[in-house]
Amino acid sequence: MPQEPNRYFDNATTSYPKPEEMKRVLAHFYDVPVGSYGRSADEATLSITLKVEELRDRLAAWLGVSEASHILFCENATFGLNAILKGYKPLRKPGSIVWISPMEHNAVMRPLTALCAGSGISYRIMPHLPDGTIDTARLAEEWPGSQTALACINLESNVNGMMQPIESIANELHRLGVPILCDATQLPGTERIEADRLGIDFVAFTGHKGLLGPSGTGGYFIRHPESVEPLTAGGNGVHSESMDITEEMPDRFMAGTPNMLGLVALAESVAHLPAYGITQEQWCDALDEMAEMEGLTVWRSADRKRQGYVCSLTHETLLPSETGDLLLYRHGLITRMGLHCAPLAHHTLGTDKTGTVRISLSPYHTSQDLQLLLTGLRDVLHSR
């Protein structure tokens, strides 16, 4: 890892740095002839196939699922969410309702909006608290009814880092008979999901954020494959004589040649995930320190125990674009300004007019890096 201070605080977009083991795979993958995953019998291709299956097993442990073959690889969480929403058969019935959290990303909102256009289906937003936490005490009274075909839950907001209390939410949704789709895009690889125990039906995830993998990698989990029509069809190396899509998993949902380089690199990242160098308590203390800075508002979880390594900032006189630019050009601190592809979350928080400056940590950040950030913020705010 770099010996210089880590000034990159935009890990909710794409994580940096990456594990050395992953970078070595990227550098040397094509040093030997490689066929296609699951198709060829040569030693190099067999080795890659085994590595991808090892990745699937590791992800099954992270997701907390026993059916590893129900984990499907794709290019990112956005593809996975589209595949689920567009393929889920109950959503083809007019009158169906999708019940969503108030913090959903456009990866859910745009395909959902397209699905609702002229189809007779609709979506409703779950009752929630000011920080976007779903209010489980009000779920039963505000349940849209038996036509509710699916609930979409963003497990960790990419705007304020609030992690939903998924266990209590799942328990209540099961009582109401509502299947559950979870967007795990922002969760770090060290945060277990326990989908089997919680009865979660679908999970979408990406490789290039908390799992520290390369861009163009991700996947999704389907508990009941028969409930979803595949989004793509084509060759997958099995039952090639038939023009029907195979029922076998994972082949049913993985047509065409996958991103073998990306998946093998992701396998190395997942196998070498480090613990966070900054504890949750240290991070929350830093957020408290930011909140005491004059004119600054910190958008975060109301519950410290459910605070992820993401937060947003607004200032009473500086626009987010000004704050972010000053942090970059004066101190070399890389953050993210804007709506972060999550206008619904900003509407929920009341930051939709200007957006925010977002700060997000990597496992590799140190307490010295965090102090560098705090010093930069103070300087920018005091010298405006």
Protein backbone atom coordinates (compact mmCIF):
# COMPACT_ATOMS: atom_id res chain seq x y z
CA MET A 1 0.00 0.00 0.00
CA PRO A 2 1.14 3.62 -0.60
CA GLN A 3 3.41 5.11 2.03
CA GLU A 4 2.20 8.63 1.23
CA PRO A 5 -0.92 9.99 2.97
CA ASN A 6 -4.11 8.66 1.40
CA ARG A 7 -6.04 11.73 0.24
CA TYR A 8 -8.65 9.75 -1.68
CA PHE A 9 -12.04 9.95 0.09
CA ASP A 10 -14.35 8.86 -2.73
CA ASN A 11 -14.52 5.13 -2.04
CA ALA A 12 -18.32 5.08 -2.31
CA THR A 13 -17.73 5.65 -6.03
CA THR A 14 -14.80 3.28 -6.52
CA SER A 15 -12.42 2.02 -3.86
CA TYR A 16 -8.73 2.90 -3.74
CA PRO A 17 -6.16 1.54 -3.23
CA LYS A 18 -6.63 -2.03 -4.44
CA PRO A 19 -4.97 -5.13 -2.95
CA GLU A 20 -1.55 -5.91 -4.41
CA GLU A 21 -2.69 -9.49 -5.10
CA MET A 22 -5.44 -8.18 -7.36
CA LYS A 23 -3.10 -5.89 -9.27
CA ARG A 24 -0.72 -8.78 -9.97
CA VAL A 25 -3.58 -10.75 -11.53
CA LEU A 26 -4.45 -7.81 -13.77
CA ALA A 27 -0.83 -7.46 -14.86
CA HIS A 28 -0.21 -11.12 -15.72
CA PHE A 29 -3.57 -12.70 -16.59
CA TYR A 30 -2.87 -12.88 -20.32
CA ASP A 31 0.70 -14.15 -20.00
CA VAL A 32 -0.67 -17.63 -20.81
CA PRO A 33 -3.34 -18.77 -23.30
CA VAL A 34 -6.75 -18.75 -21.64
CA GLY A 35 -9.99 -20.23 -22.93
CA SER A 36 -13.46 -19.38 -21.66
CA TYR A 37 -14.65 -20.04 -18.10
CA GLY A 38 -16.34 -23.42 -17.81
CA ARG A 39 -15.73 -24.31 -21.46
CA SER A 40 -12.13 -25.50 -21.96
CA ALA A 41 -10.16 -28.35 -20.39
CA ASP A 42 -6.62 -26.92 -20.57
CA GLU A 43 -4.79 -26.36 -17.32
CA ALA A 44 -4.90 -22.54 -17.40
CA THR A 45 -8.63 -22.38 -18.10
CA LEU A 46 -9.43 -25.04 -15.51
CA SER A 47 -7.44 -23.04 -12.98
CA ILE A 48 -9.46 -19.92 -13.79
CA THR A 49 -12.74 -21.82 -13.61
CA LEU A 50 -11.79 -23.11 -10.16
CA LYS A 51 -10.79 -19.59 -9.07
CA VAL A 52 -14.18 -18.21 -10.15
CA GLU A 53 -16.00 -20.98 -8.27
CA GLU A 54 -13.85 -20.23 -5.23
CA LEU A 55 -14.98 -16.61 -5.53
CA ARG A 56 -18.60 -17.76 -5.70
CA ASP A 57 -18.12 -19.75 -2.48
CA ARG A 58 -16.51 -16.80 -0.69
CA LEU A 59 -19.34 -14.53 -1.77
CA ALA A 60 -21.87 -17.11 -0.57
CA ALA A 61 -20.25 -16.88 2.87
CA TRP A 62 -20.40 -13.07 2.74
CA LEU A 63 -24.03 -13.05 1.64
CA GLY A 64 -24.90 -15.81 4.08
CA VAL A 65 -26.43 -18.16 1.50
CA SER A 66 -26.08 -21.92 1.18
CA GLU A 67 -26.89 -22.08 -2.55
CA ALA A 68 -23.67 -20.71 -4.05
CA SER A 69 -24.86 -21.64 -7.55
CA HIS A 70 -27.62 -19.05 -7.19
CA ILE A 71 -24.99 -16.27 -7.24
CA LEU A 72 -24.81 -14.85 -10.76
CA PHE A 73 -21.92 -12.75 -12.03
CA CYS A 74 -22.38 -9.64 -14.16
CA GLU A 75 -20.69 -6.29 -14.72
CA ASN A 76 -22.06 -4.38 -11.72
CA ALA A 77 -24.91 -4.07 -9.23
CA THR A 78 -26.87 -1.94 -11.70
CA PHE A 79 -27.09 -4.85 -14.15
CA GLY A 80 -28.10 -7.19 -11.34
CA LEU A 81 -30.86 -4.87 -10.13
CA ASN A 82 -32.14 -4.45 -13.69
CA ALA A 83 -32.07 -8.21 -14.23
CA ILE A 84 -34.14 -8.80 -11.10
CA LEU A 85 -36.65 -5.97 -11.55
CA LYS A 86 -37.21 -6.59 -15.26
CA GLY A 87 -37.29 -10.37 -14.93
CA TYR A 88 -39.34 -10.84 -11.74
CA LYS A 89 -42.56 -12.45 -12.94
CA PRO A 90 -44.96 -11.02 -10.30
CA LEU A 91 -44.11 -7.52 -11.57
CA ARG A 92 -45.74 -8.35 -14.89
CA LYS A 93 -49.16 -8.32 -13.26
CA PRO A 94 -51.03 -4.99 -13.55
CA GLY A 95 -51.79 -3.54 -10.14
CA SER A 96 -48.59 -4.86 -8.57
CA ILE A 97 -46.82 -2.51 -6.18
CA VAL A 98 -43.10 -2.24 -5.39
CA TRP A 99 -42.47 -0.91 -1.88
CA ILE A 100 -39.16 0.92 -1.70
CA SER A 101 -36.93 2.42 0.96
CA PRO A 102 -36.57 6.22 0.91
CA MET A 103 -32.84 5.96 0.11
CA GLU A 104 -32.88 4.09 -3.19
CA HIS A 105 -30.22 4.73 -5.84
CA ASN A 106 -31.04 5.42 -9.49
CA ALA A 107 -29.92 1.84 -10.20
CA VAL A 108 -33.31 0.93 -8.73
CA MET A 109 -35.30 4.08 -9.45
CA ARG A 110 -34.69 4.34 -13.19
CA PRO A 111 -35.54 0.75 -14.14
CA LEU A 112 -38.46 0.87 -11.71
CA THR A 113 -39.76 4.11 -13.25
CA ALA A 114 -39.46 2.58 -16.71
CA LEU A 115 -41.34 -0.52 -15.55
CA CYS A 116 -44.15 1.57 -14.12
CA ALA A 117 -44.65 3.59 -17.31
CA GLY A 118 -47.89 2.37 -18.87
CA SER A 119 -47.69 -1.08 -17.25
CA GLY A 120 -50.25 -0.72 -14.49
CA ILE A 121 -47.68 -1.28 -11.74
CA SER A 122 -46.53 1.39 -9.29
CA TYR A 123 -44.22 2.00 -6.36
CA ARG A 124 -44.68 3.44 -2.88
CA ILE A 125 -42.10 4.72 -0.41
CA MET A 126 -41.89 3.10 3.01
CA PRO A 127 -42.48 5.13 6.18
CA HIS A 128 -39.21 6.45 7.49
CA LEU A 129 -37.38 8.61 10.01
CA PRO A 130 -35.57 11.87 9.10
CA ASP A 131 -32.23 10.13 8.39
CA GLY A 132 -33.88 7.69 5.98
CA THR A 133 -34.17 4.78 8.40
CA ILE A 134 -37.25 2.69 7.63
CA ASP A 135 -39.77 3.05 10.47
CA THR A 136 -40.59 -0.59 11.19
CA ALA A 137 -43.24 0.40 13.74
CA ARG A 138 -45.33 1.92 10.92
CA LEU A 139 -44.80 -0.72 8.22
CA ALA A 140 -47.92 -2.72 9.05
CA GLU A 141 -50.25 0.30 9.13
CA GLU A 142 -48.85 1.71 5.85
CA TRP A 143 -48.56 -1.61 4.02
CA PRO A 144 -49.99 -1.08 0.50
CA GLY A 145 -51.80 -4.42 0.65
CA SER A 146 -51.62 -7.90 -0.80
CA GLN A 147 -50.75 -6.56 -4.25
CA THR A 148 -47.30 -5.60 -2.87
CA ALA A 149 -45.08 -7.82 -5.02
CA LEU A 150 -41.62 -6.75 -3.83
CA ALA A 151 -39.79 -4.59 -1.30
CA CYS A 152 -36.52 -2.88 -2.29
CA ILE A 153 -34.12 -2.06 0.53
CA ASN A 154 -30.85 -0.15 0.10
CA LEU A 155 -28.81 -1.71 2.90
CA GLU A 156 -26.40 1.22 3.23
CA SER A 157 -27.04 4.67 1.83
CA ASN A 158 -24.42 6.03 -0.52
CA VAL A 159 -25.36 9.53 0.67
CA ASN A 160 -25.26 9.51 4.48
CA GLY A 161 -23.91 6.03 5.23
CA MET A 162 -26.99 5.02 7.21
CA MET A 163 -27.31 1.23 7.40
CA GLN A 164 -30.90 0.01 7.56
CA PRO A 165 -31.89 -2.23 10.52
CA ILE A 166 -32.46 -5.04 8.05
CA GLU A 167 -33.26 -7.76 10.58
CA SER A 168 -36.27 -5.96 12.07
CA ILE A 169 -37.35 -4.78 8.60
CA ALA A 170 -37.13 -8.31 7.17
CA ASN A 171 -39.08 -9.76 10.08
CA GLU A 172 -41.92 -7.29 9.54
CA LEU A 173 -41.95 -7.73 5.76
CA HIS A 174 -42.12 -11.51 6.16
CA ARG A 175 -45.09 -11.08 8.48
CA LEU A 176 -46.76 -9.09 5.71
CA GLY A 177 -45.77 -11.65 3.07
CA VAL A 178 -43.58 -9.30 0.99
CA PRO A 179 -40.50 -10.69 -0.86
CA ILE A 180 -37.29 -8.70 -0.32
CA LEU A 181 -34.66 -7.33 -2.70
CA CYS A 182 -31.56 -5.85 -1.05
CA ASP A 183 -29.07 -3.50 -2.70
CA ALA A 184 -25.74 -4.26 -1.00
CA THR A 185 -23.65 -2.00 -3.24
CA GLN A 186 -22.17 0.12 -0.44
CA LEU A 187 -21.65 -2.58 2.17
CA PRO A 188 -17.99 -3.39 2.88
CA GLY A 189 -16.88 -6.96 2.38
CA THR A 190 -16.46 -7.30 6.13
CA GLU A 191 -20.19 -6.67 6.79
CA ARG A 192 -22.05 -10.00 6.59
CA ILE A 193 -25.58 -10.00 5.18
CA GLU A 194 -27.04 -13.34 6.40
CA ALA A 195 -29.58 -13.59 3.59
CA ASP A 196 -30.62 -17.17 4.42
CA ARG A 197 -31.27 -16.44 8.08
CA LEU A 198 -33.18 -13.26 7.26
CA GLY A 199 -35.08 -14.80 4.37
CA ILE A 200 -33.90 -12.23 1.82
CA ASP A 201 -34.98 -13.24 -1.69
CA PHE A 202 -32.61 -11.17 -3.82
CA VAL A 203 -29.30 -9.37 -3.27
CA ALA A 204 -27.37 -7.25 -5.77
CA PHE A 205 -23.72 -6.28 -5.19
CA THR A 206 -20.78 -4.74 -7.00
CA GLY A 207 -17.11 -5.65 -7.03
CA HIS A 208 -15.34 -2.29 -7.32
CA LYS A 209 -16.40 -0.70 -4.03
CA GLY A 210 -16.33 -2.45 -0.64
CA LEU A 211 -15.06 -5.72 -2.13
CA LEU A 212 -12.00 -3.80 -3.46
CA GLY A 213 -12.18 -5.43 -6.89
CA PRO A 214 -11.89 -4.00 -10.40
CA SER A 215 -14.58 -2.06 -12.24
CA GLY A 216 -16.87 -4.15 -14.41
CA THR A 217 -17.47 -6.85 -11.80
CA GLY A 218 -20.49 -7.58 -9.65
CA GLY A 219 -23.37 -9.95 -9.29
CA TYR A 220 -26.71 -10.84 -7.80
CA PHE A 221 -28.32 -13.63 -5.80
CA ILE A 222 -31.70 -15.17 -6.62
CA ARG A 223 -33.28 -17.46 -4.04
CA HIS A 224 -36.03 -18.81 -6.31
CA PRO A 225 -34.75 -18.81 -9.92
CA GLU A 226 -38.11 -19.95 -11.27
CA SER A 227 -39.57 -16.58 -10.23
CA VAL A 228 -37.30 -14.64 -12.60
CA GLU A 229 -37.09 -14.67 -16.39
CA PRO A 230 -33.46 -14.29 -17.56
CA LEU A 231 -32.62 -10.89 -19.02
CA THR A 232 -30.18 -12.38 -21.55
CA ALA A 233 -29.93 -15.62 -23.50
CA GLY A 234 -27.17 -17.23 -25.52
CA GLY A 235 -24.35 -19.72 -25.31
CA ASN A 236 -23.17 -20.96 -21.94
CA GLY A 237 -21.52 -24.29 -22.75
CA VAL A 238 -24.35 -26.56 -21.59
CA HIS A 239 -27.15 -28.23 -23.58
CA SER A 240 -26.02 -26.44 -26.74
CA GLU A 241 -28.27 -28.65 -28.88
CA SER A 242 -31.38 -27.03 -27.34
CA MET A 243 -32.73 -23.58 -28.22
CA ASP A 244 -34.40 -23.37 -24.80
CA ILE A 245 -32.70 -21.60 -21.91
CA THR A 246 -31.32 -24.17 -19.49
CA GLU A 247 -32.82 -24.51 -16.02
CA GLU A 248 -29.40 -25.28 -14.51
CA MET A 249 -27.84 -22.74 -12.19
CA PRO A 250 -25.86 -20.57 -12.54
CA ASP A 251 -25.88 -21.14 -16.34
CA ARG A 252 -29.53 -20.08 -16.70
CA PHE A 253 -28.62 -16.46 -15.97
CA MET A 254 -25.06 -16.32 -17.33
CA ALA A 255 -25.19 -16.36 -21.13
CA GLY A 256 -22.02 -15.51 -23.05
CA THR A 257 -18.39 -15.23 -22.00
CA PRO A 258 -18.03 -13.60 -18.57
CA ASN A 259 -15.40 -11.07 -17.57
CA MET A 260 -12.85 -13.71 -16.60
CA LEU A 261 -10.02 -11.24 -15.96
CA GLY A 262 -12.26 -9.15 -13.72
CA LEU A 263 -13.66 -12.13 -11.81
CA VAL A 264 -10.26 -13.69 -11.14
CA ALA A 265 -8.99 -10.30 -9.97
CA LEU A 266 -12.08 -9.90 -7.77
CA ALA A 267 -11.41 -13.36 -6.33
CA GLU A 268 -8.00 -12.16 -5.16
CA SER A 269 -9.47 -9.00 -3.64
CA VAL A 270 -12.16 -10.90 -1.75
CA ALA A 271 -9.57 -13.40 -0.52
CA HIS A 272 -7.44 -10.58 0.92
CA LEU A 273 -9.97 -8.14 2.38
CA PRO A 274 -8.35 -6.18 5.22
CA ALA A 275 -10.05 -4.94 8.35
CA TYR A 276 -10.72 -1.21 8.47
CA GLY A 277 -7.80 0.83 9.80
CA ILE A 278 -10.25 3.29 11.34
CA THR A 279 -12.80 1.87 13.75
CA GLN A 280 -16.46 2.80 13.56
CA GLU A 281 -16.08 4.61 16.89
CA GLN A 282 -13.15 6.68 15.56
CA TRP A 283 -15.13 7.50 12.43
CA CYS A 284 -18.20 8.57 14.40
CA ASP A 285 -16.01 10.70 16.68
CA ALA A 286 -14.61 12.39 13.57
CA LEU A 287 -18.17 13.05 12.36
CA ASP A 288 -18.94 14.64 15.73
CA GLU A 289 -15.87 16.83 15.27
CA MET A 290 -17.03 17.88 11.80
CA ALA A 291 -20.49 18.69 13.14
CA GLU A 292 -18.92 21.20 15.56
CA MET A 293 -17.29 23.15 12.71
CA GLU A 294 -19.03 26.48 12.15
CA GLY A 295 -21.69 26.44 9.45
CA LEU A 296 -21.22 22.76 8.62
CA THR A 297 -24.01 20.16 8.65
CA VAL A 298 -23.08 16.48 8.70
CA TRP A 299 -25.61 14.13 7.11
CA ARG A 300 -25.29 10.75 8.80
CA SER A 301 -27.16 8.01 10.61
CA ALA A 302 -28.98 9.03 13.77
CA ASP A 303 -27.68 5.81 15.34
CA ARG A 304 -23.89 5.52 15.67
CA LYS A 305 -24.15 1.73 15.61
CA ARG A 306 -25.63 1.88 12.10
CA GLN A 307 -23.17 4.38 10.65
CA GLY A 308 -21.24 3.14 7.62
CA TYR A 309 -17.99 4.65 6.38
CA VAL A 310 -19.83 7.28 4.30
CA CYS A 311 -21.16 10.73 5.22
CA SER A 312 -22.24 13.92 3.47
CA LEU A 313 -21.59 17.57 4.25
CA THR A 314 -23.32 20.85 3.46
CA HIS A 315 -22.32 24.37 4.48
CA GLU A 316 -24.56 27.34 5.18
CA THR A 317 -22.73 29.63 2.71
CA LEU A 318 -20.48 27.43 0.55
CA LEU A 319 -21.98 25.32 -2.22
CA PRO A 320 -20.91 21.65 -2.21
CA SER A 321 -19.05 22.26 -5.48
CA GLU A 322 -17.09 25.08 -3.83
CA THR A 323 -16.26 23.06 -0.72
CA GLY A 324 -15.17 20.05 -2.76
CA ASP A 325 -13.04 22.15 -5.11
CA LEU A 326 -11.33 23.92 -2.21
CA LEU A 327 -10.55 20.59 -0.53
CA LEU A 328 -9.06 19.32 -3.78
CA TYR A 329 -7.05 22.33 -4.92
CA ARG A 330 -5.78 23.42 -1.50
CA HIS A 331 -5.20 20.05 0.11
CA GLY A 332 -5.37 17.42 -2.63
CA LEU A 333 -8.35 15.79 -0.90
CA ILE A 334 -10.58 13.90 -3.33
CA THR A 335 -14.28 13.83 -2.41
CA ARG A 336 -17.50 13.69 -4.44
CA MET A 337 -19.94 16.56 -4.95
CA GLY A 338 -23.52 16.44 -6.21
CA LEU A 339 -26.50 14.11 -5.94
CA HIS A 340 -24.47 10.88 -6.16
CA CYS A 341 -27.03 9.26 -8.50
CA ALA A 342 -29.45 9.14 -5.56
CA PRO A 343 -31.90 12.06 -5.87
CA LEU A 344 -34.56 10.19 -3.88
CA ALA A 345 -32.19 9.91 -0.91
CA HIS A 346 -31.38 13.63 -1.15
CA HIS A 347 -35.09 14.45 -1.33
CA THR A 348 -35.60 12.37 1.83
CA LEU A 349 -32.85 14.27 3.65
CA GLY A 350 -33.78 17.67 2.21
CA THR A 351 -30.48 18.15 0.36
CA ASP A 352 -31.88 17.77 -3.16
CA LYS A 353 -31.56 21.46 -4.09
CA THR A 354 -27.75 21.59 -3.91
CA GLY A 355 -26.55 18.06 -3.24
CA THR A 356 -23.70 17.46 -0.81
CA VAL A 357 -19.99 16.88 -0.46
CA ARG A 358 -19.59 13.16 0.18
CA ILE A 359 -16.74 11.60 2.14
CA SER A 360 -16.20 7.85 2.11
CA LEU A 361 -13.41 5.79 3.63
CA SER A 362 -11.30 2.84 2.51
CA PRO A 363 -10.11 0.02 4.77
CA TYR A 364 -6.62 1.38 4.12
CA HIS A 365 -7.21 4.82 5.59
CA THR A 366 -5.35 5.53 8.82
CA SER A 367 -6.06 7.88 11.70
CA GLN A 368 -3.37 10.16 10.22
CA ASP A 369 -5.31 10.31 6.94
CA LEU A 370 -8.46 11.17 8.86
CA GLN A 371 -6.68 14.00 10.68
CA LEU A 372 -5.48 15.28 7.30
CA LEU A 373 -9.11 15.44 6.18
CA LEU A 374 -10.24 17.24 9.33
CA THR A 375 -7.39 19.75 9.04
CA GLY A 376 -8.27 20.41 5.41
CA LEU A 377 -11.93 20.96 6.26
CA ARG A 378 -11.09 23.44 9.02
CA ASP A 379 -8.78 25.38 6.72
CA VAL A 380 -11.34 25.55 3.92
CA LEU A 381 -14.13 26.70 6.24
CA HIS A 382 -12.03 29.25 8.14
CA SER A 383 -10.47 30.88 5.07
CA ARG A 384 -13.54 31.07 2.85
